[in-house]
Amino acid sequence: MITVASLSNVCWIPAGINSKRKSGASSNRLLTALALGLPVAADELESYLPFRKYFASLHTTEFPNMMNKPEQFFDQVIEAQIHIGQHYTQEAIGRQWLSILN
């Protein structure tokens, strides 16, 4: 994934928003693409909505804008990486599990 991301300018995640099977997908693909430094265009799955400010929707004018000028989305990617680094480390996830179990 790291090699492919280094060769890419953007990441598309068409999730099939009308598919019951895919509508329950986790945010893993979105967070991985952002962590790898790629501007992302994605369908607006429920699990993606907490991260909505970090990606372009495939069904709005954001998508062609991102394809024409992906560099305009770099600030969003950096902001997402900071968020991911603060909330998705092993320690942070461990604290969440302890909180739930307590």
Protein backbone atom coordinates (compact mmCIF):
# COMPACT_ATOMS: atom_id res chain seq x y z
CA MET A 1 0.00 0.00 0.00
CA ILE A 2 2.80 2.41 0.81
CA THR A 3 4.40 1.90 -2.60
CA VAL A 4 1.13 2.39 -4.47
CA ALA A 5 0.26 5.47 -2.38
CA SER A 6 3.64 6.99 -3.23
CA LEU A 7 2.80 6.61 -6.94
CA SER A 8 -0.70 8.09 -6.58
CA ASN A 9 -2.02 11.63 -6.48
CA VAL A 10 -5.48 10.85 -5.05
CA CYS A 11 -7.55 7.98 -3.72
CA TRP A 12 -11.14 7.18 -4.72
CA ILE A 13 -13.32 5.09 -2.47
CA PRO A 14 -16.59 4.31 -4.24
CA ALA A 15 -18.39 2.35 -1.59
CA GLY A 16 -21.69 1.58 -3.27
CA ILE A 17 -23.90 3.65 -1.00
CA ASN A 18 -26.99 1.80 -2.24
CA SER A 19 -25.57 -1.58 -1.27
CA LYS A 20 -26.76 -2.91 2.11
CA ARG A 21 -23.63 -5.04 2.37
CA LYS A 22 -21.26 -2.10 1.85
CA SER A 23 -23.27 0.51 3.74
CA GLY A 24 -21.96 -0.96 7.01
CA ALA A 25 -18.28 -0.68 6.03
CA SER A 26 -15.87 0.73 8.58
CA SER A 27 -13.79 3.86 8.12
CA ASN A 28 -10.55 1.85 7.76
CA ARG A 29 -10.04 2.49 4.04
CA LEU A 30 -10.66 6.20 4.42
CA LEU A 31 -8.34 6.59 7.41
CA THR A 32 -5.63 4.49 5.76
CA ALA A 33 -5.65 6.60 2.58
CA LEU A 34 -5.50 9.82 4.59
CA ALA A 35 -2.74 8.46 6.83
CA LEU A 36 -0.76 7.62 3.68
CA GLY A 37 -1.03 11.27 2.64
CA LEU A 38 -3.56 11.04 -0.17
CA PRO A 39 -6.42 13.43 -0.84
CA VAL A 40 -9.51 11.22 -0.84
CA ALA A 41 -12.80 11.26 -2.74
CA ALA A 42 -15.35 8.88 -1.27
CA ASP A 43 -18.98 8.02 -0.96
CA GLU A 44 -20.53 9.34 2.23
CA LEU A 45 -20.92 6.16 4.25
CA GLU A 46 -22.22 6.55 7.79
CA SER A 47 -18.86 5.46 9.21
CA TYR A 48 -17.12 8.16 7.13
CA LEU A 49 -19.31 11.04 8.29
CA PRO A 50 -17.27 11.87 11.43
CA PHE A 51 -14.37 12.51 9.01
CA ARG A 52 -16.41 14.41 6.41
CA LYS A 53 -14.27 17.53 6.50
CA TYR A 54 -11.24 15.49 5.42
CA PHE A 55 -12.52 14.06 2.11
CA ALA A 56 -14.33 15.12 -1.06
CA SER A 57 -17.69 13.56 -1.79
CA LEU A 58 -17.86 11.61 -5.03
CA HIS A 59 -21.32 13.06 -5.68
CA THR A 60 -20.61 16.79 -5.39
CA THR A 61 -18.52 19.36 -7.22
CA GLU A 62 -15.75 18.66 -4.69
CA PHE A 63 -14.80 15.55 -6.65
CA PRO A 64 -13.94 17.18 -10.01
CA ASN A 65 -12.27 20.03 -8.11
CA MET A 66 -10.06 17.54 -6.30
CA MET A 67 -9.20 15.72 -9.50
CA ASN A 68 -8.18 18.97 -11.19
CA LYS A 69 -6.24 20.39 -8.23
CA PRO A 70 -5.49 17.74 -5.60
CA GLU A 71 -2.92 20.05 -4.00
CA GLN A 72 -5.80 22.23 -2.78
CA PHE A 73 -6.80 19.34 -0.49
CA PHE A 74 -3.37 18.86 1.14
CA ASP A 75 -4.29 20.97 4.18
CA GLN A 76 -7.28 18.68 4.82
CA VAL A 77 -5.01 15.63 4.56
CA ILE A 78 -2.53 17.11 7.04
CA GLU A 79 -5.35 17.96 9.43
CA ALA A 80 -6.69 14.40 9.09
CA GLN A 81 -3.25 12.95 9.78
CA ILE A 82 -3.00 14.99 12.99
CA HIS A 83 -6.45 13.76 14.05
CA ILE A 84 -5.57 10.14 13.22
CA GLY A 85 -2.27 10.44 15.11
CA GLN A 86 -4.07 11.69 18.20
CA HIS A 87 -7.02 9.30 18.21
CA TYR A 88 -5.98 6.08 16.45
CA THR A 89 -2.76 5.02 18.14
CA GLN A 90 -2.52 1.75 20.07
CA GLU A 91 -2.54 3.73 23.30
CA ALA A 92 -5.62 5.76 22.36
CA ILE A 93 -7.53 2.69 21.24
CA GLY A 94 -6.48 0.89 24.45
CA ARG A 95 -7.84 3.77 26.54
CA GLN A 96 -11.14 3.59 24.64
CA TRP A 97 -11.43 -0.14 25.30
CA LEU A 98 -10.64 0.32 29.00
CA SER A 99 -13.24 3.08 29.21
CA ILE A 100 -15.86 0.85 27.59
CA LEU A 101 -15.02 -2.14 29.78
CA ASN A 102 -15.14 -0.05 32.96
